[in-house]
């Protein structure tokens, strides 16, 4: 196995294991990692359009229509007409979603702390420095950059 292949599969293994662990951590809230990302993005930027949401999600490329439809049906996301553009639909978390945000934020924070605790601060800095160039010009990397820069 060459180093490029090893890095590719190592990144995939880390992502899959992280997703499995996050799924387990979210089991009590009955949320998936993708739904959790929607919760966290809406919490920060709501109200927003479906396009604006899609521009900030890493879990979905393109339009997250099906994901949002399921979250509307579950009562977690509310849709309303944009007052500035009658054709646009605005999304925001429902009161039911807002009620579980404190617990969701706690699970998310603990999970992120667990990930970060696997490395020294210097190693984390280096990992971020060296991994960002692989993602920077991709749709997922750009979505994450928008969130990182609070755009």
Protein backbone atom coordinates (compact mmCIF):
# COMPACT_ATOMS: atom_id res chain seq x y z
CA UNK A 1 0.00 0.00 0.00
CA UNK A 2 1.46 3.38 -0.92
CA UNK A 3 1.21 6.38 1.40
CA UNK A 4 -1.52 8.10 -0.63
CA UNK A 5 -3.73 5.03 -0.42
CA UNK A 6 -2.92 4.56 3.26
CA UNK A 7 -3.85 8.18 4.04
CA UNK A 8 -7.08 7.89 2.05
CA UNK A 9 -8.20 4.74 3.85
CA UNK A 10 -6.98 5.96 7.23
CA UNK A 11 -9.12 9.11 6.81
CA UNK A 12 -12.08 6.93 5.81
CA UNK A 13 -11.54 4.59 8.79
CA UNK A 14 -11.36 7.54 11.20
CA UNK A 15 -14.48 9.11 9.69
CA UNK A 16 -16.47 5.87 9.83
CA UNK A 17 -15.41 5.05 13.38
CA UNK A 18 -16.11 8.62 14.48
CA UNK A 19 -19.54 8.47 12.87
CA UNK A 20 -20.26 5.13 14.59
CA UNK A 21 -19.22 6.55 17.96
CA UNK A 22 -21.22 9.74 17.43
CA UNK A 23 -24.28 7.70 16.42
CA UNK A 24 -23.98 5.80 19.69
CA UNK A 25 -23.58 9.02 21.70
CA UNK A 26 -26.72 10.44 20.03
CA UNK A 27 -28.82 7.30 20.54
CA UNK A 28 -30.64 8.72 23.56
CA UNK A 29 -31.71 11.79 21.57
CA UNK A 30 -32.83 9.65 18.61
CA UNK A 31 -30.82 11.81 16.21
CA UNK A 32 -28.42 10.87 13.45
CA UNK A 33 -25.09 12.66 12.94
CA UNK A 34 -26.53 14.35 9.81
CA UNK A 35 -29.58 15.59 11.74
CA UNK A 36 -27.27 16.79 14.48
CA UNK A 37 -25.27 18.84 11.99
CA UNK A 38 -28.52 20.48 10.80
CA UNK A 39 -29.46 21.26 14.41
CA UNK A 40 -26.06 22.85 15.07
CA UNK A 41 -26.00 24.89 11.85
CA UNK A 42 -29.57 26.13 12.32
CA UNK A 43 -28.84 26.94 15.94
CA UNK A 44 -26.06 29.26 14.79
CA UNK A 45 -27.56 30.79 11.62
CA UNK A 46 -31.35 30.50 11.72
CA UNK A 47 -33.56 31.44 10.08
CA UNK A 48 -32.02 30.49 6.77
CA UNK A 49 -33.03 29.15 3.39
CA UNK A 50 -32.48 25.59 2.25
CA UNK A 51 -29.72 26.82 -0.07
CA UNK A 52 -27.99 28.70 2.76
CA UNK A 53 -28.22 25.61 4.95
CA UNK A 54 -26.86 23.37 2.18
CA UNK A 55 -23.91 25.77 1.76
CA UNK A 56 -22.86 25.05 5.36
CA UNK A 57 -23.45 21.31 5.67
CA UNK A 58 -20.66 18.78 5.35
CA UNK A 59 -22.98 15.76 5.71
CA UNK A 60 -24.86 16.51 2.47
CA UNK A 61 -23.61 17.68 -0.88
CA UNK A 62 -26.00 19.76 -2.91
CA UNK A 63 -29.49 20.27 -1.58
CA UNK A 64 -30.39 18.68 1.76
CA UNK A 65 -34.08 18.54 0.75
CA UNK A 66 -34.77 14.96 1.85
CA UNK A 67 -32.95 15.43 5.16
CA UNK A 68 -34.90 18.60 5.91
CA UNK A 69 -38.18 17.01 4.82
CA UNK A 70 -37.66 14.22 7.37
CA UNK A 71 -36.78 16.75 10.07
CA UNK A 72 -39.90 18.81 9.30
CA UNK A 73 -42.00 15.64 9.50
CA UNK A 74 -40.37 14.78 12.85
CA UNK A 75 -41.31 18.23 14.16
CA UNK A 76 -37.72 19.47 14.61
CA UNK A 77 -37.61 22.04 11.80
CA UNK A 78 -40.23 24.63 10.88
CA UNK A 79 -40.66 26.14 7.43
CA UNK A 80 -42.00 29.63 6.77
CA UNK A 81 -42.15 32.03 3.84
CA UNK A 82 -39.30 34.52 3.64
CA UNK A 83 -40.78 38.00 4.23
CA UNK A 84 -38.33 39.49 1.71
CA UNK A 85 -38.90 36.90 -1.02
CA UNK A 86 -42.24 35.11 -1.17
CA UNK A 87 -40.67 32.33 -3.26
CA UNK A 88 -38.05 31.47 -0.64
CA UNK A 89 -38.68 29.20 2.32
CA UNK A 90 -36.96 29.95 5.61
CA UNK A 91 -35.98 27.18 8.02
CA UNK A 92 -35.64 27.33 11.76
CA UNK A 93 -35.63 24.97 14.70
CA UNK A 94 -38.98 24.21 16.28
CA UNK A 95 -39.73 24.63 20.00
CA UNK A 96 -39.40 20.82 20.25
CA UNK A 97 -35.88 21.03 18.77
CA UNK A 98 -34.93 23.96 20.98
CA UNK A 99 -35.95 21.92 24.01
CA UNK A 100 -33.34 19.24 23.29
CA UNK A 101 -30.56 21.65 22.24
CA UNK A 102 -28.95 21.85 25.70
CA UNK A 103 -28.54 18.06 25.83
CA UNK A 104 -27.47 17.89 22.18
CA UNK A 105 -24.87 20.61 22.72
CA UNK A 106 -23.55 18.74 25.74
CA UNK A 107 -23.21 15.48 23.78
CA UNK A 108 -21.57 17.34 20.89
CA UNK A 109 -19.14 19.21 23.17
CA UNK A 110 -18.14 16.05 25.04
CA UNK A 111 -17.62 14.18 21.78
CA UNK A 112 -15.46 16.96 20.34
CA UNK A 113 -13.44 17.13 23.58
CA UNK A 114 -12.87 13.38 23.35
CA UNK A 115 -11.57 13.73 19.80
CA UNK A 116 -9.29 16.64 20.71
CA UNK A 117 -8.00 14.86 23.84
CA UNK A 118 -6.48 12.19 21.61
CA UNK A 119 -3.76 14.68 20.60
CA UNK A 120 -1.59 17.39 22.09
CA UNK A 121 -2.44 20.98 21.14
CA UNK A 122 0.66 21.12 18.92
CA UNK A 123 -0.36 17.94 17.11
CA UNK A 124 -3.91 19.23 16.59
CA UNK A 125 -2.49 22.43 15.10
CA UNK A 126 -0.31 20.41 12.74
CA UNK A 127 -3.12 18.04 11.75
CA UNK A 128 -5.38 20.96 10.89
CA UNK A 129 -2.58 22.73 9.03
CA UNK A 130 -1.80 19.69 6.90
CA UNK A 131 -5.33 18.37 6.35
CA UNK A 132 -7.02 21.63 5.32
CA UNK A 133 -5.26 21.73 1.93
CA UNK A 134 -6.87 18.37 1.07
CA UNK A 135 -10.35 19.75 1.76
CA UNK A 136 -10.09 23.48 1.04
CA UNK A 137 -11.19 23.36 -2.61
CA UNK A 138 -13.93 20.79 -2.16
CA UNK A 139 -17.64 21.53 -1.59
CA UNK A 140 -17.48 19.95 1.88
CA UNK A 141 -14.34 21.86 2.78
CA UNK A 142 -15.87 25.11 1.58
CA UNK A 143 -19.02 24.44 3.63
CA UNK A 144 -16.90 23.89 6.72
CA UNK A 145 -14.84 27.00 5.98
CA UNK A 146 -18.05 29.10 5.81
CA UNK A 147 -18.98 27.83 9.28
CA UNK A 148 -15.46 28.26 10.63
CA UNK A 149 -15.36 31.86 9.42
CA UNK A 150 -18.97 32.47 10.54
CA UNK A 151 -20.13 33.37 7.05
